[in-house]
Amino acid sequence: MTRLAINHTIHCKDEKATAEAVQMLANAILAFYAATPDKPQSLFMSLHGDLGAGKTTATRYLLQAMGYQGKVKSPTYSLCEEHILDLPNQALHVFHFDLYRMQSPDEWVDAGLLEHFTHSEYPTLCIIEWPEKAEHTLPTMDLAITLIHPQETQSELARTVEIAAQTPTGEAVLQSLVTQSTSNP
């Protein structure tokens, strides 16, 4: 049986609209973790886009929408920043990666960062910017998110957000987001 790919595009005219789109994604992710409080679940998300497209800003909005109160800084120099969110029934470990400065996939593997994608003792959310730098060393991402700054628009703050589900887990999360979008146009 062939799965149908689920893709969703959101056109955001300004920063407020982008924050609202990310809020819907946060709601869908929170629903995913709430559905299985007794079983540690992992969700893997890749963020694509040109330099300055808003990948780190989208991650900041996402974590804040999920209830994180601390500072969310770019992991450009550290490669990985960990954040722990206190969800109602569990703690969620969020690993935010930025591979922009990597020269080869071996750096990613040698740094031991891949272990965050294989750890299953507790719920994890892995968000990775510039995943193409890791090439074939990454597992399949549940959600691939591309942020596009439309060149033809007059607003510097406009974005198009394309979300593609690449696994059954990603399909479930994205379907939840799509349901929200259609009920809250």
Protein backbone atom coordinates (compact mmCIF):
# COMPACT_ATOMS: atom_id res chain seq x y z
CA MET A 1 0.00 0.00 0.00
CA THR A 2 1.44 3.37 -1.02
CA ARG A 3 1.16 6.27 1.39
CA LEU A 4 0.04 9.59 0.01
CA ALA A 5 2.49 12.36 0.81
CA ILE A 6 1.00 15.18 2.82
CA ASN A 7 2.27 18.64 2.02
CA HIS A 8 1.00 21.94 3.25
CA THR A 9 1.91 25.49 2.24
CA ILE A 10 1.22 28.55 4.36
CA HIS A 11 1.66 32.07 2.96
CA CYS A 12 2.53 34.53 5.70
CA LYS A 13 2.22 38.21 4.82
CA ASP A 14 4.15 39.41 7.85
CA GLU A 15 5.89 38.34 11.05
CA LYS A 16 2.62 38.06 12.96
CA ALA A 17 1.23 35.62 10.39
CA THR A 18 4.43 33.59 10.56
CA ALA A 19 4.16 33.42 14.35
CA GLU A 20 0.53 32.27 14.01
CA ALA A 21 1.52 29.54 11.54
CA VAL A 22 4.24 28.34 13.91
CA GLN A 23 1.69 28.38 16.76
CA MET A 24 -0.49 25.94 14.79
CA LEU A 25 2.55 23.71 14.25
CA ALA A 26 3.32 23.90 17.98
CA ASN A 27 -0.26 22.84 18.77
CA ALA A 28 0.05 19.87 16.42
CA ILE A 29 3.36 18.83 17.98
CA LEU A 30 1.98 19.16 21.51
CA ALA A 31 -1.02 17.02 20.51
CA PHE A 32 1.39 14.38 19.17
CA TYR A 33 3.23 14.14 22.49
CA ALA A 34 0.02 14.31 24.55
CA ALA A 35 -1.40 11.33 22.63
CA THR A 36 1.34 9.02 23.93
CA PRO A 37 2.33 10.18 27.43
CA ASP A 38 3.41 6.69 28.53
CA LYS A 39 5.71 6.02 25.58
CA PRO A 40 8.78 8.14 24.79
CA GLN A 41 8.27 9.52 21.30
CA SER A 42 10.69 11.28 18.99
CA LEU A 43 9.92 13.78 16.28
CA PHE A 44 12.54 14.89 13.76
CA MET A 45 12.19 18.16 11.83
CA SER A 46 14.49 19.65 9.23
CA LEU A 47 14.50 23.36 8.45
CA HIS A 48 15.52 24.48 4.98
CA GLY A 49 15.93 27.93 3.53
CA ASP A 50 18.43 30.50 2.44
CA LEU A 51 20.61 32.32 4.93
CA GLY A 52 18.35 34.80 6.72
CA ALA A 53 15.12 33.01 5.76
CA GLY A 54 14.08 32.78 9.43
CA LYS A 55 14.92 29.21 10.47
CA THR A 56 16.20 30.15 13.93
CA THR A 57 13.40 32.68 14.42
CA ALA A 58 10.82 30.02 13.51
CA THR A 59 12.42 27.66 16.04
CA ARG A 60 12.28 30.39 18.69
CA TYR A 61 8.58 31.00 17.96
CA LEU A 62 7.92 27.25 18.04
CA LEU A 63 9.54 26.67 21.42
CA GLN A 64 7.87 29.73 22.93
CA ALA A 65 4.49 28.58 21.57
CA MET A 66 5.12 25.19 23.20
CA GLY A 67 5.64 26.92 26.56
CA TYR A 68 9.41 27.33 26.77
CA GLN A 69 10.24 30.37 28.91
CA GLY A 70 14.01 30.57 28.46
CA LYS A 71 16.16 32.21 25.85
CA VAL A 72 16.34 30.44 22.48
CA LYS A 73 19.61 31.35 20.81
CA SER A 74 21.08 30.25 17.53
CA PRO A 75 23.26 27.13 17.76
CA THR A 76 25.43 28.36 14.87
CA TYR A 77 28.61 28.19 16.95
CA SER A 78 27.71 25.46 19.44
CA LEU A 79 26.10 23.21 16.75
CA CYS A 80 23.45 22.09 19.28
CA GLU A 81 21.38 23.77 21.97
CA GLU A 82 19.25 21.68 24.31
CA HIS A 83 16.02 22.97 25.81
CA ILE A 84 13.73 21.09 28.18
CA LEU A 85 10.02 21.79 28.07
CA ASP A 86 7.76 20.74 30.91
CA LEU A 87 4.71 19.24 29.26
CA PRO A 88 1.69 18.18 31.36
CA ASN A 89 2.70 14.50 31.63
CA GLN A 90 6.38 14.51 30.70
CA ALA A 91 9.51 16.51 30.05
CA LEU A 92 10.32 17.04 26.38
CA HIS A 93 13.98 17.31 25.40
CA VAL A 94 14.41 19.59 22.40
CA PHE A 95 17.68 19.51 20.50
CA HIS A 96 18.13 22.43 18.12
CA PHE A 97 20.97 21.94 15.63
CA ASP A 98 22.56 24.33 13.16
CA LEU A 99 25.03 22.69 10.80
CA TYR A 100 25.79 25.77 8.71
CA ARG A 101 29.47 25.89 9.70
CA MET A 102 30.16 22.20 9.13
CA GLN A 103 32.60 21.35 6.35
CA SER A 104 31.75 17.65 6.04
CA PRO A 105 29.24 15.08 7.32
CA ASP A 106 32.07 13.47 9.30
CA GLU A 107 32.14 16.48 11.66
CA TRP A 108 28.51 15.77 12.60
CA VAL A 109 29.18 12.11 13.26
CA ASP A 110 32.53 12.68 15.02
CA ALA A 111 30.95 15.26 17.34
CA GLY A 112 28.54 12.57 18.57
CA LEU A 113 25.48 14.65 17.74
CA LEU A 114 23.78 11.84 15.87
CA GLU A 115 23.09 10.11 19.19
CA HIS A 116 20.30 12.61 19.87
CA PHE A 117 18.38 11.02 17.00
CA THR A 118 18.72 7.50 18.38
CA HIS A 119 18.07 8.10 22.08
CA SER A 120 14.63 6.87 23.10
CA GLU A 121 14.56 6.88 26.92
CA TYR A 122 12.64 10.15 26.96
CA PRO A 123 10.55 12.19 24.52
CA THR A 124 12.67 14.20 22.10
CA LEU A 125 12.15 16.80 19.43
CA CYS A 126 15.12 17.26 17.10
CA ILE A 127 15.11 20.39 14.94
CA ILE A 128 17.95 20.67 12.46
CA GLU A 129 18.91 23.68 10.37
CA TRP A 130 21.04 23.07 7.26
CA PRO A 131 20.51 19.28 7.28
CA GLU A 132 22.03 18.98 3.82
CA LYS A 133 25.44 19.52 5.47
CA ALA A 134 25.05 16.11 7.18
CA GLU A 135 24.20 14.46 3.85
CA HIS A 136 23.27 10.77 4.23
CA THR A 137 24.15 10.50 7.95
CA LEU A 138 20.76 11.69 9.22
CA PRO A 139 17.70 9.51 9.69
CA THR A 140 14.59 10.36 7.66
CA MET A 141 13.04 13.54 8.97
CA ASP A 142 9.38 13.31 9.99
CA LEU A 143 8.75 16.85 8.78
CA ALA A 144 10.75 18.84 6.25
CA ILE A 145 10.01 22.55 6.56
CA THR A 146 11.18 25.07 4.00
CA LEU A 147 11.06 28.80 4.65
CA ILE A 148 11.03 30.95 1.53
CA HIS A 149 11.36 34.69 1.42
CA PRO A 150 9.41 35.61 -1.72
CA GLN A 151 11.50 37.95 -3.85
CA GLU A 152 8.51 39.55 -5.53
CA THR A 153 6.87 40.72 -2.33
CA GLN A 154 7.29 44.22 -0.98
CA SER A 155 7.34 43.08 2.63
CA GLU A 156 10.68 42.03 4.07
CA LEU A 157 8.77 40.07 6.73
CA ALA A 158 6.65 37.93 4.36
CA ARG A 159 7.41 34.21 4.20
CA THR A 160 6.09 31.11 2.53
CA VAL A 161 6.26 28.05 4.77
CA GLU A 162 6.21 24.69 2.99
CA ILE A 163 5.81 21.63 5.20
CA ALA A 164 6.22 18.10 3.89
CA ALA A 165 5.55 14.95 5.89
CA GLN A 166 8.09 12.24 5.16
CA THR A 167 7.03 9.52 7.63
CA PRO A 168 3.77 8.26 9.15
CA THR A 169 4.61 10.26 12.31
CA GLY A 170 5.09 13.38 10.21
CA GLU A 171 1.83 12.70 8.41
CA ALA A 172 -0.06 12.54 11.72
CA VAL A 173 1.43 15.81 12.95
CA LEU A 174 0.88 17.58 9.64
CA GLN A 175 -2.70 16.31 9.38
CA SER A 176 -3.35 17.86 12.79
CA LEU A 177 -1.91 21.15 11.56
CA VAL A 178 -3.96 21.04 8.35
CA THR A 179 -7.11 20.40 10.38
CA GLN A 180 -6.35 23.49 12.48
CA SER A 181 -5.71 25.56 9.36
CA THR A 182 -9.04 24.67 7.80
CA SER A 183 -10.99 25.29 11.00
CA ASN A 184 -9.18 28.63 11.63
CA PRO A 185 -8.75 30.26 8.21
